[in-house]
Amino acid sequence: MNEGMLTGESTPMIKSSLPDIPYYTFNPKDCAKYILSGGTVVKKTMAVGSTPCIALVTKTGFLTLKGSLVRDILYPKEFKFVFYTDSLKFLGIMAGIALAGTFYTIPTLM
């Protein structure tokens, strides 16, 4: 398996099949050498005997890393930019001072 896009490693990693133990409890934290992540390129598969290679999908849609990225792009979180609101307040105050100065100078110049 080539996980170079995910881990940055230059050499392909060897993954093996899950142990053939009855009533095996799958725990993703303990089974890291058996799990393929999104973005993994499968270079070669080898079947054991007449049994074909089978994979189990554990996460789909927005529960994957790529899915959460797509969700963040499609539905961005509302972000309040404090500098933007402060700059609008500053411009409002400056406009008020300019209007006050205008109303003060018009009668004195007439």
PDB file of N, CA and C in Angstrom:
ATOM      1  N   MET A   1       0.840  -1.170   0.000  1.00  0.00           N
ATOM      2  CA  MET A   1       0.000   0.000   0.000  1.00  0.00           C
ATOM      3  C   MET A   1       0.889   1.239   0.000  1.00  0.00           C
ATOM      4  N   ASN A   2       0.550   2.174  -0.818  1.00  0.00           N
ATOM      5  CA  ASN A   2       1.300   3.420  -0.869  1.00  0.00           C
ATOM      6  C   ASN A   2       0.489   4.489  -0.147  1.00  0.00           C
ATOM      7  N   GLU A   3       0.904   4.809   1.059  1.00  0.00           N
ATOM      8  CA  GLU A   3       0.241   5.845   1.855  1.00  0.00           C
ATOM      9  C   GLU A   3       1.053   7.129   1.861  1.00  0.00           C
ATOM     10  N   GLY A   4       1.826   7.332   0.805  1.00  0.00           N
ATOM     11  CA  GLY A   4       2.702   8.488   0.728  1.00  0.00           C
ATOM     12  C   GLY A   4       1.961   9.816   0.761  1.00  0.00           C
ATOM     13  N   MET A   5       0.749   9.853   0.182  1.00  0.00           N
ATOM     14  CA  MET A   5      -0.032  11.090   0.210  1.00  0.00           C
ATOM     15  C   MET A   5      -0.482  11.435   1.623  1.00  0.00           C
ATOM     16  N   LEU A   6      -0.633  10.418   2.480  1.00  0.00           N
ATOM     17  CA  LEU A   6      -1.120  10.647   3.833  1.00  0.00           C
ATOM     18  C   LEU A   6       0.011  10.849   4.832  1.00  0.00           C
ATOM     19  N   THR A   7       1.052  10.008   4.722  1.00  0.00           N
ATOM     20  CA  THR A   7       2.106  10.019   5.734  1.00  0.00           C
ATOM     21  C   THR A   7       3.382  10.696   5.278  1.00  0.00           C
ATOM     22  N   GLY A   8       3.572  10.841   3.968  1.00  0.00           N
ATOM     23  CA  GLY A   8       4.792  11.450   3.458  1.00  0.00           C
ATOM     24  C   GLY A   8       5.932  10.464   3.309  1.00  0.00           C
ATOM     25  N   GLU A   9       5.685   9.186   3.561  1.00  0.00           N
ATOM     26  CA  GLU A   9       6.735   8.188   3.436  1.00  0.00           C
ATOM     27  C   GLU A   9       6.986   7.887   1.967  1.00  0.00           C
ATOM     28  N   SER A  10       8.233   7.607   1.634  1.00  0.00           N
ATOM     29  CA  SER A  10       8.570   7.345   0.235  1.00  0.00           C
ATOM     30  C   SER A  10       8.452   5.874  -0.127  1.00  0.00           C
ATOM     31  N   THR A  11       8.456   4.986   0.852  1.00  0.00           N
ATOM     32  CA  THR A  11       8.366   3.554   0.559  1.00  0.00           C
ATOM     33  C   THR A  11       6.962   3.048   0.849  1.00  0.00           C
ATOM     34  N   PRO A  12       6.475   2.117   0.031  1.00  0.00           N
ATOM     35  CA  PRO A  12       5.147   1.546   0.286  1.00  0.00           C
ATOM     36  C   PRO A  12       5.130   0.742   1.585  1.00  0.00           C
ATOM     37  N   MET A  13       3.991   0.717   2.240  1.00  0.00           N
ATOM     38  CA  MET A  13       3.819  -0.025   3.485  1.00  0.00           C
ATOM     39  C   MET A  13       3.176  -1.365   3.178  1.00  0.00           C
ATOM     40  N   ILE A  14       3.549  -2.386   3.938  1.00  0.00           N
ATOM     41  CA  ILE A  14       2.944  -3.698   3.769  1.00  0.00           C
ATOM     42  C   ILE A  14       1.840  -3.839   4.803  1.00  0.00           C
ATOM     43  N   LYS A  15       0.657  -4.155   4.324  1.00  0.00           N
ATOM     44  CA  LYS A  15      -0.487  -4.392   5.195  1.00  0.00           C
ATOM     45  C   LYS A  15      -0.836  -5.870   5.109  1.00  0.00           C
ATOM     46  N   SER A  16      -1.300  -6.425   6.199  1.00  0.00           N
ATOM     47  CA  SER A  16      -1.671  -7.837   6.197  1.00  0.00           C
ATOM     48  C   SER A  16      -3.141  -7.975   6.545  1.00  0.00           C
ATOM     49  N   SER A  17      -3.638  -9.184   6.387  1.00  0.00           N
ATOM     50  CA  SER A  17      -5.054  -9.420   6.654  1.00  0.00           C
ATOM     51  C   SER A  17      -5.294  -9.579   8.144  1.00  0.00           C
ATOM     52  N   LEU A  18      -6.535  -9.398   8.528  1.00  0.00           N
ATOM     53  CA  LEU A  18      -6.895  -9.588   9.932  1.00  0.00           C
ATOM     54  C   LEU A  18      -6.647 -11.037  10.336  1.00  0.00           C
ATOM     55  N   PRO A  19      -6.268 -11.256  11.582  1.00  0.00           N
ATOM     56  CA  PRO A  19      -6.063 -12.635  12.018  1.00  0.00           C
ATOM     57  C   PRO A  19      -7.359 -13.433  11.960  1.00  0.00           C
ATOM     58  N   ASP A  20      -7.233 -14.697  11.637  1.00  0.00           N
ATOM     59  CA  ASP A  20      -8.397 -15.583  11.514  1.00  0.00           C
ATOM     60  C   ASP A  20      -8.714 -16.172  12.885  1.00  0.00           C
ATOM     61  N   ILE A  21      -9.224 -15.336  13.770  1.00  0.00           N
ATOM     62  CA  ILE A  21      -9.567 -15.748  15.121  1.00  0.00           C
ATOM     63  C   ILE A  21     -11.083 -15.678  15.256  1.00  0.00           C
ATOM     64  N   PRO A  22     -11.725 -16.732  15.750  1.00  0.00           N
ATOM     65  CA  PRO A  22     -13.181 -16.657  15.941  1.00  0.00           C
ATOM     66  C   PRO A  22     -13.543 -15.591  16.971  1.00  0.00           C
ATOM     67  N   TYR A  23     -14.603 -14.891  16.704  1.00  0.00           N
ATOM     68  CA  TYR A  23     -15.114 -13.846  17.590  1.00  0.00           C
ATOM     69  C   TYR A  23     -14.070 -12.759  17.841  1.00  0.00           C
ATOM     70  N   TYR A  24     -13.382 -12.383  16.793  1.00  0.00           N
ATOM     71  CA  TYR A  24     -12.376 -11.329  16.889  1.00  0.00           C
ATOM     72  C   TYR A  24     -13.071  -9.980  16.981  1.00  0.00           C
ATOM     73  N   THR A  25     -12.714  -9.189  17.958  1.00  0.00           N
ATOM     74  CA  THR A  25     -13.289  -7.850  18.126  1.00  0.00           C
ATOM     75  C   THR A  25     -12.391  -6.855  17.413  1.00  0.00           C
ATOM     76  N   PHE A  26     -12.963  -6.163  16.441  1.00  0.00           N
ATOM     77  CA  PHE A  26     -12.202  -5.189  15.667  1.00  0.00           C
ATOM     78  C   PHE A  26     -12.121  -3.884  16.429  1.00  0.00           C
ATOM     79  N   ASN A  27     -10.907  -3.436  16.729  1.00  0.00           N
ATOM     80  CA  ASN A  27     -10.666  -2.166  17.391  1.00  0.00           C
ATOM     81  C   ASN A  27      -9.724  -1.364  16.497  1.00  0.00           C
ATOM     82  N   PRO A  28     -10.166  -0.227  15.947  1.00  0.00           N
ATOM     83  CA  PRO A  28      -9.327   0.526  15.009  1.00  0.00           C
ATOM     84  C   PRO A  28      -7.986   0.963  15.598  1.00  0.00           C
ATOM     85  N   LYS A  29      -7.920   1.208  16.899  1.00  0.00           N
ATOM     86  CA  LYS A  29      -6.658   1.642  17.504  1.00  0.00           C
ATOM     87  C   LYS A  29      -5.638   0.513  17.544  1.00  0.00           C
ATOM     88  N   ASP A  30      -6.103  -0.700  17.772  1.00  0.00           N
ATOM     89  CA  ASP A  30      -5.194  -1.847  17.854  1.00  0.00           C
ATOM     90  C   ASP A  30      -4.879  -2.445  16.495  1.00  0.00           C
ATOM     91  N   CYS A  31      -5.669  -2.142  15.495  1.00  0.00           N
ATOM     92  CA  CYS A  31      -5.548  -2.780  14.178  1.00  0.00           C
ATOM     93  C   CYS A  31      -4.991  -1.831  13.124  1.00  0.00           C
ATOM     94  N   ALA A  32      -4.047  -0.976  13.474  1.00  0.00           N
ATOM     95  CA  ALA A  32      -3.525   0.013  12.531  1.00  0.00           C
ATOM     96  C   ALA A  32      -2.820  -0.631  11.347  1.00  0.00           C
ATOM     97  N   LYS A  33      -2.212  -1.812  11.547  1.00  0.00           N
ATOM     98  CA  LYS A  33      -1.504  -2.441  10.433  1.00  0.00           C
ATOM     99  C   LYS A  33      -2.441  -3.158   9.472  1.00  0.00           C
ATOM    100  N   TYR A  34      -3.728  -3.187   9.788  1.00  0.00           N
ATOM    101  CA  TYR A  34      -4.710  -3.820   8.911  1.00  0.00           C
ATOM    102  C   TYR A  34      -5.606  -2.799   8.209  1.00  0.00           C
ATOM    103  N   ILE A  35      -5.552  -1.535   8.600  1.00  0.00           N
ATOM    104  CA  ILE A  35      -6.504  -0.522   8.134  1.00  0.00           C
ATOM    105  C   ILE A  35      -5.917   0.263   6.965  1.00  0.00           C
ATOM    106  N   LEU A  36      -6.739   0.479   5.937  1.00  0.00           N
ATOM    107  CA  LEU A  36      -6.388   1.340   4.816  1.00  0.00           C
ATOM    108  C   LEU A  36      -7.167   2.637   4.952  1.00  0.00           C
ATOM    109  N   SER A  37      -6.503   3.740   4.793  1.00  0.00           N
ATOM    110  CA  SER A  37      -7.154   5.044   4.914  1.00  0.00           C
ATOM    111  C   SER A  37      -7.499   5.579   3.538  1.00  0.00           C
ATOM    112  N   GLY A  38      -8.379   6.581   3.506  1.00  0.00           N
ATOM    113  CA  GLY A  38      -8.719   7.233   2.245  1.00  0.00           C
ATOM    114  C   GLY A  38      -7.493   7.902   1.665  1.00  0.00           C
ATOM    115  N   GLY A  39      -7.275   7.767   0.374  1.00  0.00           N
ATOM    116  CA  GLY A  39      -6.088   8.314  -0.267  1.00  0.00           C
ATOM    117  C   GLY A  39      -4.981   7.289  -0.418  1.00  0.00           C
ATOM    118  N   THR A  40      -5.182   6.073   0.114  1.00  0.00           N
ATOM    119  CA  THR A  40      -4.203   5.011  -0.023  1.00  0.00           C
ATOM    120  C   THR A  40      -4.297   4.404  -1.416  1.00  0.00           C
ATOM    121  N   VAL A  41      -3.168   4.193  -2.032  1.00  0.00           N
ATOM    122  CA  VAL A  41      -3.125   3.562  -3.349  1.00  0.00           C
ATOM    123  C   VAL A  41      -2.711   2.110  -3.147  1.00  0.00           C
ATOM    124  N   VAL A  42      -3.546   1.194  -3.611  1.00  0.00           N
ATOM    125  CA  VAL A  42      -3.250  -0.233  -3.495  1.00  0.00           C
ATOM    126  C   VAL A  42      -2.340  -0.620  -4.651  1.00  0.00           C
ATOM    127  N   LYS A  43      -1.117  -1.029  -4.341  1.00  0.00           N
ATOM    128  CA  LYS A  43      -0.140  -1.396  -5.371  1.00  0.00           C
ATOM    129  C   LYS A  43      -0.297  -2.848  -5.805  1.00  0.00           C
ATOM    130  N   LYS A  44      -0.510  -3.762  -4.847  1.00  0.00           N
ATOM    131  CA  LYS A  44      -0.577  -5.169  -5.177  1.00  0.00           C
ATOM    132  C   LYS A  44      -1.395  -5.894  -4.122  1.00  0.00           C
ATOM    133  N   THR A  45      -2.197  -6.858  -4.555  1.00  0.00           N
ATOM    134  CA  THR A  45      -2.948  -7.695  -3.620  1.00  0.00           C
ATOM    135  C   THR A  45      -2.614  -9.144  -3.892  1.00  0.00           C
ATOM    136  N   MET A  46      -2.631  -9.930  -2.832  1.00  0.00           N
ATOM    137  CA  MET A  46      -2.387 -11.358  -2.972  1.00  0.00           C
ATOM    138  C   MET A  46      -3.487 -12.102  -2.224  1.00  0.00           C
ATOM    139  N   ALA A  47      -4.174 -12.980  -2.925  1.00  0.00           N
ATOM    140  CA  ALA A  47      -5.214 -13.784  -2.306  1.00  0.00           C
ATOM    141  C   ALA A  47      -4.575 -14.967  -1.591  1.00  0.00           C
ATOM    142  N   VAL A  48      -5.182 -15.367  -0.477  1.00  0.00           N
ATOM    143  CA  VAL A  48      -4.704 -16.523   0.267  1.00  0.00           C
ATOM    144  C   VAL A  48      -5.516 -17.719  -0.188  1.00  0.00           C
ATOM    145  N   GLY A  49      -4.884 -18.619  -0.900  1.00  0.00           N
ATOM    146  CA  GLY A  49      -5.603 -19.773  -1.429  1.00  0.00           C
ATOM    147  C   GLY A  49      -6.619 -19.335  -2.464  1.00  0.00           C
ATOM    148  N   SER A  50      -7.841 -19.827  -2.314  1.00  0.00           N
ATOM    149  CA  SER A  50      -8.905 -19.446  -3.244  1.00  0.00           C
ATOM    150  C   SER A  50      -9.754 -18.306  -2.701  1.00  0.00           C
ATOM    151  N   THR A  51      -9.405 -17.795  -1.516  1.00  0.00           N
ATOM    152  CA  THR A  51     -10.158 -16.696  -0.903  1.00  0.00           C
ATOM    153  C   THR A  51      -9.726 -15.368  -1.519  1.00  0.00           C
ATOM    154  N   PRO A  52     -10.644 -14.610  -2.106  1.00  0.00           N
ATOM    155  CA  PRO A  52     -10.268 -13.312  -2.687  1.00  0.00           C
ATOM    156  C   PRO A  52     -10.019 -12.274  -1.590  1.00  0.00           C
ATOM    157  N   CYS A  53      -9.408 -11.187  -1.984  1.00  0.00           N
ATOM    158  CA  CYS A  53      -9.173 -10.085  -1.045  1.00  0.00           C
ATOM    159  C   CYS A  53     -10.483  -9.359  -0.789  1.00  0.00           C
ATOM    160  N   ILE A  54     -10.820  -9.191   0.481  1.00  0.00           N
ATOM    161  CA  ILE A  54     -12.062  -8.539   0.878  1.00  0.00           C
ATOM    162  C   ILE A  54     -11.716  -7.381   1.804  1.00  0.00           C
ATOM    163  N   ALA A  55     -12.432  -6.288   1.661  1.00  0.00           N
ATOM    164  CA  ALA A  55     -12.225  -5.121   2.519  1.00  0.00           C
ATOM    165  C   ALA A  55     -13.531  -4.773   3.218  1.00  0.00           C
ATOM    166  N   LEU A  56     -13.425  -4.180   4.383  1.00  0.00           N
ATOM    167  CA  LEU A  56     -14.574  -3.748   5.165  1.00  0.00           C
ATOM    168  C   LEU A  56     -14.529  -2.233   5.288  1.00  0.00           C
ATOM    169  N   VAL A  57     -15.591  -1.571   4.858  1.00  0.00           N
ATOM    170  CA  VAL A  57     -15.679  -0.114   4.944  1.00  0.00           C
ATOM    171  C   VAL A  57     -16.197   0.245   6.330  1.00  0.00           C
ATOM    172  N   THR A  58     -15.448   1.085   7.052  1.00  0.00           N
ATOM    173  CA  THR A  58     -15.864   1.462   8.411  1.00  0.00           C
ATOM    174  C   THR A  58     -16.442   2.868   8.479  1.00  0.00           C
ATOM    175  N   LYS A  59     -16.016   3.751   7.588  1.00  0.00           N
ATOM    176  CA  LYS A  59     -16.515   5.125   7.599  1.00  0.00           C
ATOM    177  C   LYS A  59     -16.803   5.557   6.171  1.00  0.00           C
ATOM    178  N   THR A  60     -17.897   6.281   5.982  1.00  0.00           N
ATOM    179  CA  THR A  60     -18.222   6.831   4.669  1.00  0.00           C
ATOM    180  C   THR A  60     -18.738   8.248   4.836  1.00  0.00           C
ATOM    181  N   GLY A  61     -18.862   8.936   3.727  1.00  0.00           N
ATOM    182  CA  GLY A  61     -19.469  10.271   3.732  1.00  0.00           C
ATOM    183  C   GLY A  61     -18.663  11.279   4.525  1.00  0.00           C
ATOM    184  N   PHE A  62     -19.346  12.026   5.372  1.00  0.00           N
ATOM    185  CA  PHE A  62     -18.710  13.102   6.121  1.00  0.00           C
ATOM    186  C   PHE A  62     -17.910  12.601   7.317  1.00  0.00           C
ATOM    187  N   LEU A  63     -17.937  11.301   7.602  1.00  0.00           N
ATOM    188  CA  LEU A  63     -17.181  10.764   8.732  1.00  0.00           C
ATOM    189  C   LEU A  63     -15.718  10.516   8.390  1.00  0.00           C
ATOM    190  N   THR A  64     -15.356  10.625   7.120  1.00  0.00           N
ATOM    191  CA  THR A  64     -13.968  10.453   6.720  1.00  0.00           C
ATOM    192  C   THR A  64     -13.271  11.803   6.711  1.00  0.00           C
ATOM    193  N   LEU A  65     -11.965  11.778   6.572  1.00  0.00           N
ATOM    194  CA  LEU A  65     -11.193  13.016   6.538  1.00  0.00           C
ATOM    195  C   LEU A  65     -11.536  13.845   5.305  1.00  0.00           C
ATOM    196  N   LYS A  66     -11.639  13.183   4.157  1.00  0.00           N
ATOM    197  CA  LYS A  66     -12.002  13.908   2.936  1.00  0.00           C
ATOM    198  C   LYS A  66     -13.440  14.398   3.005  1.00  0.00           C
ATOM    199  N   GLY A  67     -14.324  13.598   3.602  1.00  0.00           N
ATOM    200  CA  GLY A  67     -15.714  14.002   3.737  1.00  0.00           C
ATOM    201  C   GLY A  67     -15.874  15.225   4.623  1.00  0.00           C
ATOM    202  N   SER A  68     -15.100  15.288   5.705  1.00  0.00           N
ATOM    203  CA  SER A  68     -15.193  16.465   6.573  1.00  0.00           C
ATOM    204  C   SER A  68     -14.638  17.700   5.871  1.00  0.00           C
ATOM    205  N   LEU A  69     -13.636  17.518   5.008  1.00  0.00           N
ATOM    206  CA  LEU A  69     -13.112  18.640   4.238  1.00  0.00           C
ATOM    207  C   LEU A  69     -14.164  19.161   3.260  1.00  0.00           C
ATOM    208  N   VAL A  70     -14.869  18.247   2.582  1.00  0.00           N
ATOM    209  CA  VAL A  70     -15.929  18.650   1.659  1.00  0.00           C
ATOM    210  C   VAL A  70     -17.053  19.337   2.409  1.00  0.00           C
ATOM    211  N   ARG A  71     -17.411  18.822   3.594  1.00  0.00           N
ATOM    212  CA  ARG A  71     -18.463  19.444   4.394  1.00  0.00           C
ATOM    213  C   ARG A  71     -18.067  20.859   4.805  1.00  0.00           C
ATOM    214  N   ASP A  72     -16.804  21.053   5.184  1.00  0.00           N
ATOM    215  CA  ASP A  72     -16.356  22.392   5.570  1.00  0.00           C
ATOM    216  C   ASP A  72     -16.366  23.357   4.392  1.00  0.00           C
ATOM    217  N   ILE A  73     -16.123  22.832   3.188  1.00  0.00           N
ATOM    218  CA  ILE A  73     -16.158  23.690   2.005  1.00  0.00           C
ATOM    219  C   ILE A  73     -17.597  24.041   1.634  1.00  0.00           C
ATOM    220  N   LEU A  74     -18.480  23.050   1.678  1.00  0.00           N
ATOM    221  CA  LEU A  74     -19.872  23.291   1.281  1.00  0.00           C
ATOM    222  C   LEU A  74     -20.652  24.086   2.316  1.00  0.00           C
ATOM    223  N   TYR A  75     -20.412  23.806   3.581  1.00  0.00           N
ATOM    224  CA  TYR A  75     -21.146  24.462   4.668  1.00  0.00           C
ATOM    225  C   TYR A  75     -20.161  25.079   5.646  1.00  0.00           C
ATOM    226  N   PRO A  76     -19.570  26.224   5.300  1.00  0.00           N
ATOM    227  CA  PRO A  76     -18.573  26.821   6.198  1.00  0.00           C
ATOM    228  C   PRO A  76     -19.216  27.336   7.485  1.00  0.00           C
ATOM    229  N   LYS A  77     -18.433  27.291   8.531  1.00  0.00           N
ATOM    230  CA  LYS A  77     -18.904  27.803   9.816  1.00  0.00           C
ATOM    231  C   LYS A  77     -18.937  29.324   9.767  1.00  0.00           C
ATOM    232  N   GLU A  78     -19.937  29.898  10.431  1.00  0.00           N
ATOM    233  CA  GLU A  78     -20.042  31.358  10.455  1.00  0.00           C
ATOM    234  C   GLU A  78     -18.882  31.912  11.263  1.00  0.00           C
ATOM    235  N   PHE A  79     -18.200  32.871  10.676  1.00  0.00           N
ATOM    236  CA  PHE A  79     -17.011  33.433  11.299  1.00  0.00           C
ATOM    237  C   PHE A  79     -17.206  34.930  11.460  1.00  0.00           C
ATOM    238  N   LYS A  80     -17.146  35.389  12.682  1.00  0.00           N
ATOM    239  CA  LYS A  80     -17.270  36.822  12.933  1.00  0.00           C
ATOM    240  C   LYS A  80     -15.872  37.412  13.014  1.00  0.00           C
ATOM    241  N   PHE A  81     -15.610  38.328  12.086  1.00  0.00           N
ATOM    242  CA  PHE A  81     -14.314  38.973  12.020  1.00  0.00           C
ATOM    243  C   PHE A  81     -14.396  40.264  12.819  1.00  0.00           C
ATOM    244  N   VAL A  82     -13.750  40.317  13.970  1.00  0.00           N
ATOM    245  CA  VAL A  82     -13.848  41.453  14.889  1.00  0.00           C
ATOM    246  C   VAL A  82     -13.295  42.720  14.248  1.00  0.00           C
ATOM    247  N   PHE A  83     -12.229  42.583  13.461  1.00  0.00           N
ATOM    248  CA  PHE A  83     -11.635  43.756  12.827  1.00  0.00           C
ATOM    249  C   PHE A  83     -12.627  44.423  11.881  1.00  0.00           C
ATOM    250  N   TYR A  84     -13.443  43.632  11.184  1.00  0.00           N
ATOM    251  CA  TYR A  84     -14.431  44.188  10.255  1.00  0.00           C
ATOM    252  C   TYR A  84     -15.469  45.019  10.996  1.00  0.00           C
ATOM    253  N   THR A  85     -16.008  44.512  12.088  1.00  0.00           N
ATOM    254  CA  THR A  85     -17.013  45.274  12.842  1.00  0.00           C
ATOM    255  C   THR A  85     -16.385  46.501  13.497  1.00  0.00           C
ATOM    256  N   ASP A  86     -15.153  46.367  13.994  1.00  0.00           N
ATOM    257  CA  ASP A  86     -14.486  47.528  14.587  1.00  0.00           C
ATOM    258  C   ASP A  86     -14.189  48.598  13.540  1.00  0.00           C
ATOM    259  N   SER A  87     -13.825  48.181  12.332  1.00  0.00           N
ATOM    260  CA  SER A  87     -13.543  49.168  11.290  1.00  0.00           C
ATOM    261  C   SER A  87     -14.821  49.896  10.864  1.00  0.00           C
ATOM    262  N   LEU A  88     -15.962  49.187  10.851  1.00  0.00           N
ATOM    263  CA  LEU A  88     -17.224  49.867  10.542  1.00  0.00           C
ATOM    264  C   LEU A  88     -17.583  50.881  11.623  1.00  0.00           C
ATOM    265  N   LYS A  89     -17.339  50.540  12.872  1.00  0.00           N
ATOM    266  CA  LYS A  89     -17.585  51.498  13.968  1.00  0.00           C
ATOM    267  C   LYS A  89     -16.688  52.718  13.813  1.00  0.00           C
ATOM    268  N   PHE A  90     -15.395  52.487  13.484  1.00  0.00           N
ATOM    269  CA  PHE A  90     -14.455  53.586  13.307  1.00  0.00           C
ATOM    270  C   PHE A  90     -14.887  54.499  12.165  1.00  0.00           C
ATOM    271  N   LEU A  91     -15.305  53.887  11.028  1.00  0.00           N
ATOM    272  CA  LEU A  91     -15.765  54.705   9.909  1.00  0.00           C
ATOM    273  C   LEU A  91     -17.027  55.482  10.260  1.00  0.00           C
ATOM    274  N   GLY A  92     -17.916  54.910  11.041  1.00  0.00           N
ATOM    275  CA  GLY A  92     -19.117  55.614  11.482  1.00  0.00           C
ATOM    276  C   GLY A  92     -18.779  56.811  12.359  1.00  0.00           C
ATOM    277  N   ILE A  93     -17.841  56.627  13.272  1.00  0.00           N
ATOM    278  CA  ILE A  93     -17.419  57.732  14.150  1.00  0.00           C
ATOM    279  C   ILE A  93     -16.756  58.834  13.326  1.00  0.00           C
ATOM    280  N   MET A  94     -15.894  58.461  12.374  1.00  0.00           N
ATOM    281  CA  MET A  94     -15.229  59.462  11.537  1.00  0.00           C
ATOM    282  C   MET A  94     -16.242  60.209  10.653  1.00  0.00           C
ATOM    283  N   ALA A  95     -17.247  59.489  10.147  1.00  0.00           N
ATOM    284  CA  ALA A  95     -18.286  60.149   9.351  1.00  0.00           C
ATOM    285  C   ALA A  95     -19.075  61.117  10.220  1.00  0.00           C
ATOM    286  N   GLY A  96     -19.337  60.743  11.475  1.00  0.00           N
ATOM    287  CA  GLY A  96     -20.037  61.648  12.401  1.00  0.00           C
ATOM    288  C   GLY A  96     -19.227  62.903  12.679  1.00  0.00           C
ATOM    289  N   ILE A  97     -17.920  62.745  12.879  1.00  0.00           N
ATOM    290  CA  ILE A  97     -17.054  63.913  13.113  1.00  0.00           C
ATOM    291  C   ILE A  97     -17.007  64.798  11.862  1.00  0.00           C
ATOM    292  N   ALA A  98     -16.949  64.179  10.663  1.00  0.00           N
ATOM    293  CA  ALA A  98     -16.924  64.954   9.424  1.00  0.00           C
ATOM    294  C   ALA A  98     -18.229  65.726   9.239  1.00  0.00           C
ATOM    295  N   LEU A  99     -19.364  65.098   9.545  1.00  0.00           N
ATOM    296  CA  LEU A  99     -20.645  65.810   9.438  1.00  0.00           C
ATOM    297  C   LEU A  99     -20.732  66.948  10.441  1.00  0.00           C
ATOM    298  N   ALA A 100     -20.259  66.709  11.664  1.00  0.00           N
ATOM    299  CA  ALA A 100     -20.279  67.781  12.671  1.00  0.00           C
ATOM    300  C   ALA A 100     -19.412  68.950  12.221  1.00  0.00           C
ATOM    301  N   GLY A 101     -18.239  68.637  11.657  1.00  0.00           N
ATOM    302  CA  GLY A 101     -17.357  69.700  11.156  1.00  0.00           C
ATOM    303  C   GLY A 101     -17.983  70.446   9.996  1.00  0.00           C
ATOM    304  N   THR A 102     -18.687  69.711   9.131  1.00  0.00           N
ATOM    305  CA  THR A 102     -19.356  70.353   7.996  1.00  0.00           C
ATOM    306  C   THR A 102     -20.450  71.288   8.482  1.00  0.00           C
ATOM    307  N   PHE A 103     -21.267  70.850   9.419  1.00  0.00           N
ATOM    308  CA  PHE A 103     -22.342  71.698   9.949  1.00  0.00           C
ATOM    309  C   PHE A 103     -21.813  72.872  10.750  1.00  0.00           C
ATOM    310  N   TYR A 104     -20.615  72.752  11.283  1.00  0.00           N
ATOM    311  CA  TYR A 104     -20.013  73.861  12.022  1.00  0.00           C
ATOM    312  C   TYR A 104     -19.434  74.920  11.066  1.00  0.00           C
ATOM    313  N   THR A 105     -18.809  74.454   9.974  1.00  0.00           N
ATOM    314  CA  THR A 105     -18.147  75.407   9.078  1.00  0.00           C
ATOM    315  C   THR A 105     -19.087  76.084   8.087  1.00  0.00           C
ATOM    316  N   ILE A 106     -20.200  75.453   7.734  1.00  0.00           N
ATOM    317  CA  ILE A 106     -21.123  76.072   6.774  1.00  0.00           C
ATOM    318  C   ILE A 106     -21.654  77.408   7.303  1.00  0.00           C
ATOM    319  N   PRO A 107     -22.154  77.495   8.552  1.00  0.00           N
ATOM    320  CA  PRO A 107     -22.641  78.813   9.016  1.00  0.00           C
ATOM    321  C   PRO A 107     -21.538  79.857   9.169  1.00  0.00           C
ATOM    322  N   THR A 108     -20.328  79.425   9.532  1.00  0.00           N
ATOM    323  CA  THR A 108     -19.251  80.405   9.723  1.00  0.00           C
ATOM    324  C   THR A 108     -18.738  80.950   8.396  1.00  0.00           C
ATOM    325  N   LEU A 109     -18.814  80.211   7.328  1.00  0.00           N
ATOM    326  CA  LEU A 109     -18.348  80.678   6.035  1.00  0.00           C
ATOM    327  C   LEU A 109     -19.403  81.509   5.297  1.00  0.00           C
ATOM    328  N   MET A 110     -20.645  81.445   5.671  1.00  0.00           N
ATOM    329  CA  MET A 110     -21.694  82.191   4.987  1.00  0.00           C
ATOM    330  C   MET A 110     -21.772  83.563   5.492  1.00  0.00           C
TER     331      MET A 110
END
